[in-house]
Amino acid sequence: MKQEARFIQILGRVATVLAVLMYVSYIPQIMNNLQGNYGNPIQPLVAALNCTFWCVYAYFKMNRDWPVFWANFPGIFFGLITFITSLH
């Protein structure tokens, strides 16, 4: 059982890093938006809303799920910034 718990811990950390990288990848789109090459605003808005719900879920459940929380937290901000900068 100890080996399984260690695997889940490592998996949670790797998944958190990958999720953060996914939302950091919005930076090129934000830069394009600021240069007038606007992207579609729907996907980053939906991503920001999705991340908000996952953060609320992870924080308020009985045993807080920090990997889920931290994996989605950057998506709120990067998604909203991408959404706002894509409006024209």
PDB file of N, CA and C in Angstrom:
ATOM      1  N   MET A   1       0.824  -1.193   0.000  1.00  0.00           N
ATOM      2  CA  MET A   1       0.000   0.000   0.000  1.00  0.00           C
ATOM      3  C   MET A   1       0.867   1.255   0.000  1.00  0.00           C
ATOM      4  N   LYS A   2       2.011   1.195   0.636  1.00  0.00           N
ATOM      5  CA  LYS A   2       2.892   2.343   0.709  1.00  0.00           C
ATOM      6  C   LYS A   2       3.394   2.737  -0.678  1.00  0.00           C
ATOM      7  N   GLN A   3       3.689   1.748  -1.515  1.00  0.00           N
ATOM      8  CA  GLN A   3       4.174   2.005  -2.863  1.00  0.00           C
ATOM      9  C   GLN A   3       3.071   2.675  -3.699  1.00  0.00           C
ATOM     10  N   GLU A   4       1.840   2.245  -3.510  1.00  0.00           N
ATOM     11  CA  GLU A   4       0.718   2.851  -4.238  1.00  0.00           C
ATOM     12  C   GLU A   4       0.537   4.307  -3.822  1.00  0.00           C
ATOM     13  N   ALA A   5       0.634   4.603  -2.540  1.00  0.00           N
ATOM     14  CA  ALA A   5       0.497   5.972  -2.053  1.00  0.00           C
ATOM     15  C   ALA A   5       1.603   6.856  -2.620  1.00  0.00           C
ATOM     16  N   ARG A   6       2.812   6.331  -2.699  1.00  0.00           N
ATOM     17  CA  ARG A   6       3.939   7.084  -3.268  1.00  0.00           C
ATOM     18  C   ARG A   6       3.698   7.365  -4.744  1.00  0.00           C
ATOM     19  N   PHE A   7       3.196   6.366  -5.474  1.00  0.00           N
ATOM     20  CA  PHE A   7       2.880   6.542  -6.892  1.00  0.00           C
ATOM     21  C   PHE A   7       1.834   7.635  -7.088  1.00  0.00           C
ATOM     22  N   ILE A   8       0.781   7.615  -6.287  1.00  0.00           N
ATOM     23  CA  ILE A   8      -0.286   8.615  -6.388  1.00  0.00           C
ATOM     24  C   ILE A   8       0.261   9.999  -6.067  1.00  0.00           C
ATOM     25  N   GLN A   9       1.134  10.103  -5.094  1.00  0.00           N
ATOM     26  CA  GLN A   9       1.738  11.385  -4.739  1.00  0.00           C
ATOM     27  C   GLN A   9       2.560  11.939  -5.910  1.00  0.00           C
ATOM     28  N   ILE A  10       3.373  11.101  -6.520  1.00  0.00           N
ATOM     29  CA  ILE A  10       4.189  11.516  -7.666  1.00  0.00           C
ATOM     30  C   ILE A  10       3.292  11.876  -8.850  1.00  0.00           C
ATOM     31  N   LEU A  11       2.295  11.061  -9.104  1.00  0.00           N
ATOM     32  CA  LEU A  11       1.353  11.321 -10.191  1.00  0.00           C
ATOM     33  C   LEU A  11       0.656  12.665  -9.998  1.00  0.00           C
ATOM     34  N   GLY A  12       0.242  12.954  -8.794  1.00  0.00           N
ATOM     35  CA  GLY A  12      -0.408  14.229  -8.491  1.00  0.00           C
ATOM     36  C   GLY A  12       0.512  15.415  -8.755  1.00  0.00           C
ATOM     37  N   ARG A  13       1.767  15.279  -8.389  1.00  0.00           N
ATOM     38  CA  ARG A  13       2.729  16.369  -8.618  1.00  0.00           C
ATOM     39  C   ARG A  13       3.007  16.574 -10.094  1.00  0.00           C
ATOM     40  N   VAL A  14       3.185  15.493 -10.820  1.00  0.00           N
ATOM     41  CA  VAL A  14       3.443  15.594 -12.264  1.00  0.00           C
ATOM     42  C   VAL A  14       2.226  16.192 -12.968  1.00  0.00           C
ATOM     43  N   ALA A  15       1.034  15.741 -12.607  1.00  0.00           N
ATOM     44  CA  ALA A  15      -0.184  16.263 -13.222  1.00  0.00           C
ATOM     45  C   ALA A  15      -0.353  17.747 -12.909  1.00  0.00           C
ATOM     46  N   THR A  16       0.004  18.165 -11.712  1.00  0.00           N
ATOM     47  CA  THR A  16      -0.075  19.582 -11.344  1.00  0.00           C
ATOM     48  C   THR A  16       0.852  20.419 -12.203  1.00  0.00           C
ATOM     49  N   VAL A  17       2.090  19.968 -12.364  1.00  0.00           N
ATOM     50  CA  VAL A  17       3.063  20.697 -13.187  1.00  0.00           C
ATOM     51  C   VAL A  17       2.576  20.780 -14.633  1.00  0.00           C
ATOM     52  N   LEU A  18       2.076  19.684 -15.169  1.00  0.00           N
ATOM     53  CA  LEU A  18       1.583  19.681 -16.548  1.00  0.00           C
ATOM     54  C   LEU A  18       0.384  20.616 -16.727  1.00  0.00           C
ATOM     55  N   ALA A  19      -0.503  20.647 -15.758  1.00  0.00           N
ATOM     56  CA  ALA A  19      -1.663  21.536 -15.850  1.00  0.00           C
ATOM     57  C   ALA A  19      -1.224  22.999 -15.816  1.00  0.00           C
ATOM     58  N   VAL A  20      -0.281  23.320 -14.942  1.00  0.00           N
ATOM     59  CA  VAL A  20       0.226  24.694 -14.880  1.00  0.00           C
ATOM     60  C   VAL A  20       0.869  25.068 -16.214  1.00  0.00           C
ATOM     61  N   LEU A  21       1.653  24.171 -16.776  1.00  0.00           N
ATOM     62  CA  LEU A  21       2.272  24.435 -18.080  1.00  0.00           C
ATOM     63  C   LEU A  21       1.227  24.639 -19.164  1.00  0.00           C
ATOM     64  N   MET A  22       0.123  23.902 -19.082  1.00  0.00           N
ATOM     65  CA  MET A  22      -0.948  24.056 -20.060  1.00  0.00           C
ATOM     66  C   MET A  22      -1.491  25.485 -20.029  1.00  0.00           C
ATOM     67  N   TYR A  23      -1.672  26.046 -18.849  1.00  0.00           N
ATOM     68  CA  TYR A  23      -2.224  27.390 -18.757  1.00  0.00           C
ATOM     69  C   TYR A  23      -1.174  28.463 -19.025  1.00  0.00           C
ATOM     70  N   VAL A  24       0.070  28.193 -18.689  1.00  0.00           N
ATOM     71  CA  VAL A  24       1.152  29.131 -19.012  1.00  0.00           C
ATOM     72  C   VAL A  24       1.308  29.232 -20.533  1.00  0.00           C
ATOM     73  N   SER A  25       0.921  28.179 -21.242  1.00  0.00           N
ATOM     74  CA  SER A  25       1.025  28.200 -22.700  1.00  0.00           C
ATOM     75  C   SER A  25       0.077  29.214 -23.328  1.00  0.00           C
ATOM     76  N   TYR A  26      -0.789  29.846 -22.552  1.00  0.00           N
ATOM     77  CA  TYR A  26      -1.627  30.939 -23.047  1.00  0.00           C
ATOM     78  C   TYR A  26      -0.804  32.200 -23.318  1.00  0.00           C
ATOM     79  N   ILE A  27       0.378  32.294 -22.759  1.00  0.00           N
ATOM     80  CA  ILE A  27       1.184  33.516 -22.891  1.00  0.00           C
ATOM     81  C   ILE A  27       1.404  33.914 -24.349  1.00  0.00           C
ATOM     82  N   PRO A  28       1.773  33.001 -25.267  1.00  0.00           N
ATOM     83  CA  PRO A  28       1.911  33.423 -26.666  1.00  0.00           C
ATOM     84  C   PRO A  28       0.614  33.981 -27.262  1.00  0.00           C
ATOM     85  N   GLN A  29      -0.530  33.402 -26.882  1.00  0.00           N
ATOM     86  CA  GLN A  29      -1.802  33.919 -27.390  1.00  0.00           C
ATOM     87  C   GLN A  29      -2.083  35.300 -26.819  1.00  0.00           C
ATOM     88  N   ILE A  30      -1.763  35.502 -25.564  1.00  0.00           N
ATOM     89  CA  ILE A  30      -1.933  36.828 -24.961  1.00  0.00           C
ATOM     90  C   ILE A  30      -1.072  37.846 -25.714  1.00  0.00           C
ATOM     91  N   MET A  31       0.165  37.479 -26.005  1.00  0.00           N
ATOM     92  CA  MET A  31       1.062  38.370 -26.744  1.00  0.00           C
ATOM     93  C   MET A  31       0.500  38.663 -28.138  1.00  0.00           C
ATOM     94  N   ASN A  32      -0.004  37.639 -28.824  1.00  0.00           N
ATOM     95  CA  ASN A  32      -0.630  37.842 -30.138  1.00  0.00           C
ATOM     96  C   ASN A  32      -1.840  38.775 -30.038  1.00  0.00           C
ATOM     97  N   ASN A  33      -2.657  38.564 -29.015  1.00  0.00           N
ATOM     98  CA  ASN A  33      -3.833  39.415 -28.823  1.00  0.00           C
ATOM     99  C   ASN A  33      -3.420  40.872 -28.653  1.00  0.00           C
ATOM    100  N   LEU A  34      -2.392  41.101 -27.855  1.00  0.00           N
ATOM    101  CA  LEU A  34      -1.930  42.464 -27.610  1.00  0.00           C
ATOM    102  C   LEU A  34      -1.341  43.102 -28.859  1.00  0.00           C
ATOM    103  N   GLN A  35      -0.894  42.283 -29.805  1.00  0.00           N
ATOM    104  CA  GLN A  35      -0.341  42.796 -31.059  1.00  0.00           C
ATOM    105  C   GLN A  35      -1.412  42.914 -32.146  1.00  0.00           C
ATOM    106  N   GLY A  36      -2.657  42.622 -31.805  1.00  0.00           N
ATOM    107  CA  GLY A  36      -3.753  42.772 -32.755  1.00  0.00           C
ATOM    108  C   GLY A  36      -4.122  41.512 -33.511  1.00  0.00           C
ATOM    109  N   ASN A  37      -3.444  40.404 -33.249  1.00  0.00           N
ATOM    110  CA  ASN A  37      -3.772  39.115 -33.869  1.00  0.00           C
ATOM    111  C   ASN A  37      -4.667  38.339 -32.890  1.00  0.00           C
ATOM    112  N   TYR A  38      -5.936  38.714 -32.844  1.00  0.00           N
ATOM    113  CA  TYR A  38      -6.843  38.218 -31.818  1.00  0.00           C
ATOM    114  C   TYR A  38      -7.221  36.758 -32.022  1.00  0.00           C
ATOM    115  N   GLY A  39      -7.253  36.040 -30.914  1.00  0.00           N
ATOM    116  CA  GLY A  39      -7.718  34.662 -30.924  1.00  0.00           C
ATOM    117  C   GLY A  39      -9.177  34.617 -30.486  1.00  0.00           C
ATOM    118  N   ASN A  40      -9.752  33.443 -30.546  1.00  0.00           N
ATOM    119  CA  ASN A  40     -11.132  33.240 -30.128  1.00  0.00           C
ATOM    120  C   ASN A  40     -11.218  33.352 -28.601  1.00  0.00           C
ATOM    121  N   PRO A  41     -12.126  34.172 -28.054  1.00  0.00           N
ATOM    122  CA  PRO A  41     -12.195  34.367 -26.601  1.00  0.00           C
ATOM    123  C   PRO A  41     -12.957  33.276 -25.848  1.00  0.00           C
ATOM    124  N   ILE A  42     -13.707  32.417 -26.560  1.00  0.00           N
ATOM    125  CA  ILE A  42     -14.584  31.459 -25.881  1.00  0.00           C
ATOM    126  C   ILE A  42     -13.795  30.406 -25.089  1.00  0.00           C
ATOM    127  N   GLN A  43     -12.815  29.775 -25.708  1.00  0.00           N
ATOM    128  CA  GLN A  43     -12.094  28.682 -25.032  1.00  0.00           C
ATOM    129  C   GLN A  43     -11.401  29.146 -23.753  1.00  0.00           C
ATOM    130  N   PRO A  44     -10.653  30.268 -23.751  1.00  0.00           N
ATOM    131  CA  PRO A  44     -10.023  30.672 -22.493  1.00  0.00           C
ATOM    132  C   PRO A  44     -11.029  31.089 -21.422  1.00  0.00           C
ATOM    133  N   LEU A  45     -12.176  31.639 -21.834  1.00  0.00           N
ATOM    134  CA  LEU A  45     -13.200  31.974 -20.842  1.00  0.00           C
ATOM    135  C   LEU A  45     -13.757  30.714 -20.198  1.00  0.00           C
ATOM    136  N   VAL A  46     -14.065  29.718 -21.011  1.00  0.00           N
ATOM    137  CA  VAL A  46     -14.581  28.453 -20.472  1.00  0.00           C
ATOM    138  C   VAL A  46     -13.521  27.780 -19.599  1.00  0.00           C
ATOM    139  N   ALA A  47     -12.263  27.849 -20.006  1.00  0.00           N
ATOM    140  CA  ALA A  47     -11.177  27.278 -19.193  1.00  0.00           C
ATOM    141  C   ALA A  47     -11.101  27.975 -17.837  1.00  0.00           C
ATOM    142  N   ALA A  48     -11.226  29.297 -17.820  1.00  0.00           N
ATOM    143  CA  ALA A  48     -11.184  30.039 -16.553  1.00  0.00           C
ATOM    144  C   ALA A  48     -12.345  29.652 -15.645  1.00  0.00           C
ATOM    145  N   LEU A  49     -13.536  29.512 -16.215  1.00  0.00           N
ATOM    146  CA  LEU A  49     -14.695  29.095 -15.423  1.00  0.00           C
ATOM    147  C   LEU A  49     -14.519  27.672 -14.897  1.00  0.00           C
ATOM    148  N   ASN A  50     -14.049  26.782 -15.757  1.00  0.00           N
ATOM    149  CA  ASN A  50     -13.799  25.403 -15.354  1.00  0.00           C
ATOM    150  C   ASN A  50     -12.788  25.357 -14.207  1.00  0.00           C
ATOM    151  N   CYS A  51     -11.722  26.098 -14.334  1.00  0.00           N
ATOM    152  CA  CYS A  51     -10.689  26.119 -13.291  1.00  0.00           C
ATOM    153  C   CYS A  51     -11.224  26.688 -11.979  1.00  0.00           C
ATOM    154  N   THR A  52     -12.089  27.685 -12.080  1.00  0.00           N
ATOM    155  CA  THR A  52     -12.699  28.255 -10.874  1.00  0.00           C
ATOM    156  C   THR A  52     -13.504  27.201 -10.138  1.00  0.00           C
ATOM    157  N   PHE A  53     -14.322  26.454 -10.868  1.00  0.00           N
ATOM    158  CA  PHE A  53     -15.131  25.409 -10.240  1.00  0.00           C
ATOM    159  C   PHE A  53     -14.262  24.320  -9.619  1.00  0.00           C
ATOM    160  N   TRP A  54     -13.187  23.915 -10.318  1.00  0.00           N
ATOM    161  CA  TRP A  54     -12.308  22.890  -9.766  1.00  0.00           C
ATOM    162  C   TRP A  54     -11.593  23.391  -8.516  1.00  0.00           C
ATOM    163  N   CYS A  55     -11.200  24.644  -8.496  1.00  0.00           N
ATOM    164  CA  CYS A  55     -10.546  25.193  -7.300  1.00  0.00           C
ATOM    165  C   CYS A  55     -11.502  25.243  -6.113  1.00  0.00           C
ATOM    166  N   VAL A  56     -12.717  25.678  -6.360  1.00  0.00           N
ATOM    167  CA  VAL A  56     -13.721  25.716  -5.295  1.00  0.00           C
ATOM    168  C   VAL A  56     -13.973  24.301  -4.776  1.00  0.00           C
ATOM    169  N   TYR A  57     -14.145  23.363  -5.685  1.00  0.00           N
ATOM    170  CA  TYR A  57     -14.351  21.960  -5.297  1.00  0.00           C
ATOM    171  C   TYR A  57     -13.187  21.453  -4.440  1.00  0.00           C
ATOM    172  N   ALA A  58     -11.970  21.637  -4.934  1.00  0.00           N
ATOM    173  CA  ALA A  58     -10.795  21.096  -4.246  1.00  0.00           C
ATOM    174  C   ALA A  58     -10.580  21.739  -2.878  1.00  0.00           C
ATOM    175  N   TYR A  59     -10.902  23.015  -2.764  1.00  0.00           N
ATOM    176  CA  TYR A  59     -10.681  23.730  -1.504  1.00  0.00           C
ATOM    177  C   TYR A  59     -11.740  23.393  -0.460  1.00  0.00           C
ATOM    178  N   PHE A  60     -12.980  23.260  -0.887  1.00  0.00           N
ATOM    179  CA  PHE A  60     -14.057  23.094   0.085  1.00  0.00           C
ATOM    180  C   PHE A  60     -14.446  21.654   0.386  1.00  0.00           C
ATOM    181  N   LYS A  61     -13.869  20.675  -0.302  1.00  0.00           N
ATOM    182  CA  LYS A  61     -14.190  19.301   0.072  1.00  0.00           C
ATOM    183  C   LYS A  61     -13.564  18.988   1.426  1.00  0.00           C
ATOM    184  N   MET A  62     -14.050  17.956   2.078  1.00  0.00           N
ATOM    185  CA  MET A  62     -13.631  17.683   3.447  1.00  0.00           C
ATOM    186  C   MET A  62     -12.110  17.566   3.577  1.00  0.00           C
ATOM    187  N   ASN A  63     -11.485  16.760   2.753  1.00  0.00           N
ATOM    188  CA  ASN A  63     -10.024  16.674   2.724  1.00  0.00           C
ATOM    189  C   ASN A  63      -9.555  17.440   1.500  1.00  0.00           C
ATOM    190  N   ARG A  64      -9.059  18.644   1.742  1.00  0.00           N
ATOM    191  CA  ARG A  64      -8.667  19.505   0.619  1.00  0.00           C
ATOM    192  C   ARG A  64      -7.750  18.763  -0.343  1.00  0.00           C
ATOM    193  N   ASP A  65      -7.991  18.974  -1.609  1.00  0.00           N
ATOM    194  CA  ASP A  65      -7.222  18.319  -2.666  1.00  0.00           C
ATOM    195  C   ASP A  65      -6.291  19.356  -3.284  1.00  0.00           C
ATOM    196  N   TRP A  66      -5.128  19.544  -2.664  1.00  0.00           N
ATOM    197  CA  TRP A  66      -4.211  20.600  -3.077  1.00  0.00           C
ATOM    198  C   TRP A  66      -3.667  20.418  -4.488  1.00  0.00           C
ATOM    199  N   PRO A  67      -3.337  19.206  -4.929  1.00  0.00           N
ATOM    200  CA  PRO A  67      -2.887  19.098  -6.326  1.00  0.00           C
ATOM    201  C   PRO A  67      -3.934  19.585  -7.327  1.00  0.00           C
ATOM    202  N   VAL A  68      -5.198  19.256  -7.102  1.00  0.00           N
ATOM    203  CA  VAL A  68      -6.258  19.723  -8.001  1.00  0.00           C
ATOM    204  C   VAL A  68      -6.384  21.241  -7.906  1.00  0.00           C
ATOM    205  N   PHE A  69      -6.319  21.772  -6.709  1.00  0.00           N
ATOM    206  CA  PHE A  69      -6.420  23.215  -6.525  1.00  0.00           C
ATOM    207  C   PHE A  69      -5.300  23.940  -7.265  1.00  0.00           C
ATOM    208  N   TRP A  70      -4.044  23.550  -6.994  1.00  0.00           N
ATOM    209  CA  TRP A  70      -2.902  24.263  -7.578  1.00  0.00           C
ATOM    210  C   TRP A  70      -2.768  24.006  -9.078  1.00  0.00           C
ATOM    211  N   ALA A  71      -3.260  22.884  -9.543  1.00  0.00           N
ATOM    212  CA  ALA A  71      -3.226  22.614 -10.983  1.00  0.00           C
ATOM    213  C   ALA A  71      -4.169  23.545 -11.736  1.00  0.00           C
ATOM    214  N   ASN A  72      -5.257  23.949 -11.114  1.00  0.00           N
ATOM    215  CA  ASN A  72      -6.260  24.771 -11.777  1.00  0.00           C
ATOM    216  C   ASN A  72      -6.174  26.261 -11.461  1.00  0.00           C
ATOM    217  N   PHE A  73      -5.546  26.612 -10.375  1.00  0.00           N
ATOM    218  CA  PHE A  73      -5.479  28.014  -9.951  1.00  0.00           C
ATOM    219  C   PHE A  73      -4.887  28.935 -11.023  1.00  0.00           C
ATOM    220  N   PRO A  74      -3.755  28.597 -11.650  1.00  0.00           N
ATOM    221  CA  PRO A  74      -3.217  29.492 -12.683  1.00  0.00           C
ATOM    222  C   PRO A  74      -4.153  29.634 -13.891  1.00  0.00           C
ATOM    223  N   GLY A  75      -4.940  28.618 -14.166  1.00  0.00           N
ATOM    224  CA  GLY A  75      -5.863  28.662 -15.293  1.00  0.00           C
ATOM    225  C   GLY A  75      -6.924  29.731 -15.155  1.00  0.00           C
ATOM    226  N   ILE A  76      -7.280  30.072 -13.924  1.00  0.00           N
ATOM    227  CA  ILE A  76      -8.250  31.143 -13.709  1.00  0.00           C
ATOM    228  C   ILE A  76      -7.691  32.449 -14.267  1.00  0.00           C
ATOM    229  N   PHE A  77      -6.469  32.759 -13.878  1.00  0.00           N
ATOM    230  CA  PHE A  77      -5.874  34.037 -14.268  1.00  0.00           C
ATOM    231  C   PHE A  77      -5.440  34.065 -15.728  1.00  0.00           C
ATOM    232  N   PHE A  78      -4.747  33.026 -16.165  1.00  0.00           N
ATOM    233  CA  PHE A  78      -4.308  32.995 -17.557  1.00  0.00           C
ATOM    234  C   PHE A  78      -5.496  32.939 -18.515  1.00  0.00           C
ATOM    235  N   GLY A  79      -6.532  32.187 -18.143  1.00  0.00           N
ATOM    236  CA  GLY A  79      -7.724  32.126 -18.978  1.00  0.00           C
ATOM    237  C   GLY A  79      -8.423  33.477 -19.071  1.00  0.00           C
ATOM    238  N   LEU A  80      -8.561  34.165 -17.926  1.00  0.00           N
ATOM    239  CA  LEU A  80      -9.216  35.473 -17.939  1.00  0.00           C
ATOM    240  C   LEU A  80      -8.401  36.514 -18.695  1.00  0.00           C
ATOM    241  N   ILE A  81      -7.092  36.508 -18.499  1.00  0.00           N
ATOM    242  CA  ILE A  81      -6.239  37.459 -19.214  1.00  0.00           C
ATOM    243  C   ILE A  81      -6.314  37.206 -20.715  1.00  0.00           C
ATOM    244  N   THR A  82      -6.277  35.944 -21.111  1.00  0.00           N
ATOM    245  CA  THR A  82      -6.377  35.613 -22.534  1.00  0.00           C
ATOM    246  C   THR A  82      -7.733  36.035 -23.084  1.00  0.00           C
ATOM    247  N   PHE A  83      -8.787  35.785 -22.323  1.00  0.00           N
ATOM    248  CA  PHE A  83     -10.131  36.184 -22.743  1.00  0.00           C
ATOM    249  C   PHE A  83     -10.221  37.699 -22.926  1.00  0.00           C
ATOM    250  N   ILE A  84      -9.776  38.446 -21.924  1.00  0.00           N
ATOM    251  CA  ILE A  84      -9.879  39.899 -21.964  1.00  0.00           C
ATOM    252  C   ILE A  84      -9.072  40.487 -23.119  1.00  0.00           C
ATOM    253  N   THR A  85      -7.853  39.966 -23.301  1.00  0.00           N
ATOM    254  CA  THR A  85      -7.016  40.524 -24.370  1.00  0.00           C
ATOM    255  C   THR A  85      -7.492  40.115 -25.762  1.00  0.00           C
ATOM    256  N   SER A  86      -8.331  39.091 -25.856  1.00  0.00           N
ATOM    257  CA  SER A  86      -8.821  38.677 -27.177  1.00  0.00           C
ATOM    258  C   SER A  86     -10.066  39.439 -27.611  1.00  0.00           C
ATOM    259  N   LEU A  87     -10.609  40.235 -26.715  1.00  0.00           N
ATOM    260  CA  LEU A  87     -11.778  41.055 -27.079  1.00  0.00           C
ATOM    261  C   LEU A  87     -11.302  42.260 -27.876  1.00  0.00           C
ATOM    262  N   HIS A  88     -12.015  42.598 -28.904  1.00  0.00           N
ATOM    263  CA  HIS A  88     -11.633  43.766 -29.718  1.00  0.00           C
ATOM    264  C   HIS A  88     -12.849  44.466 -30.275  1.00  0.00           C
TER     265      HIS A  88
END
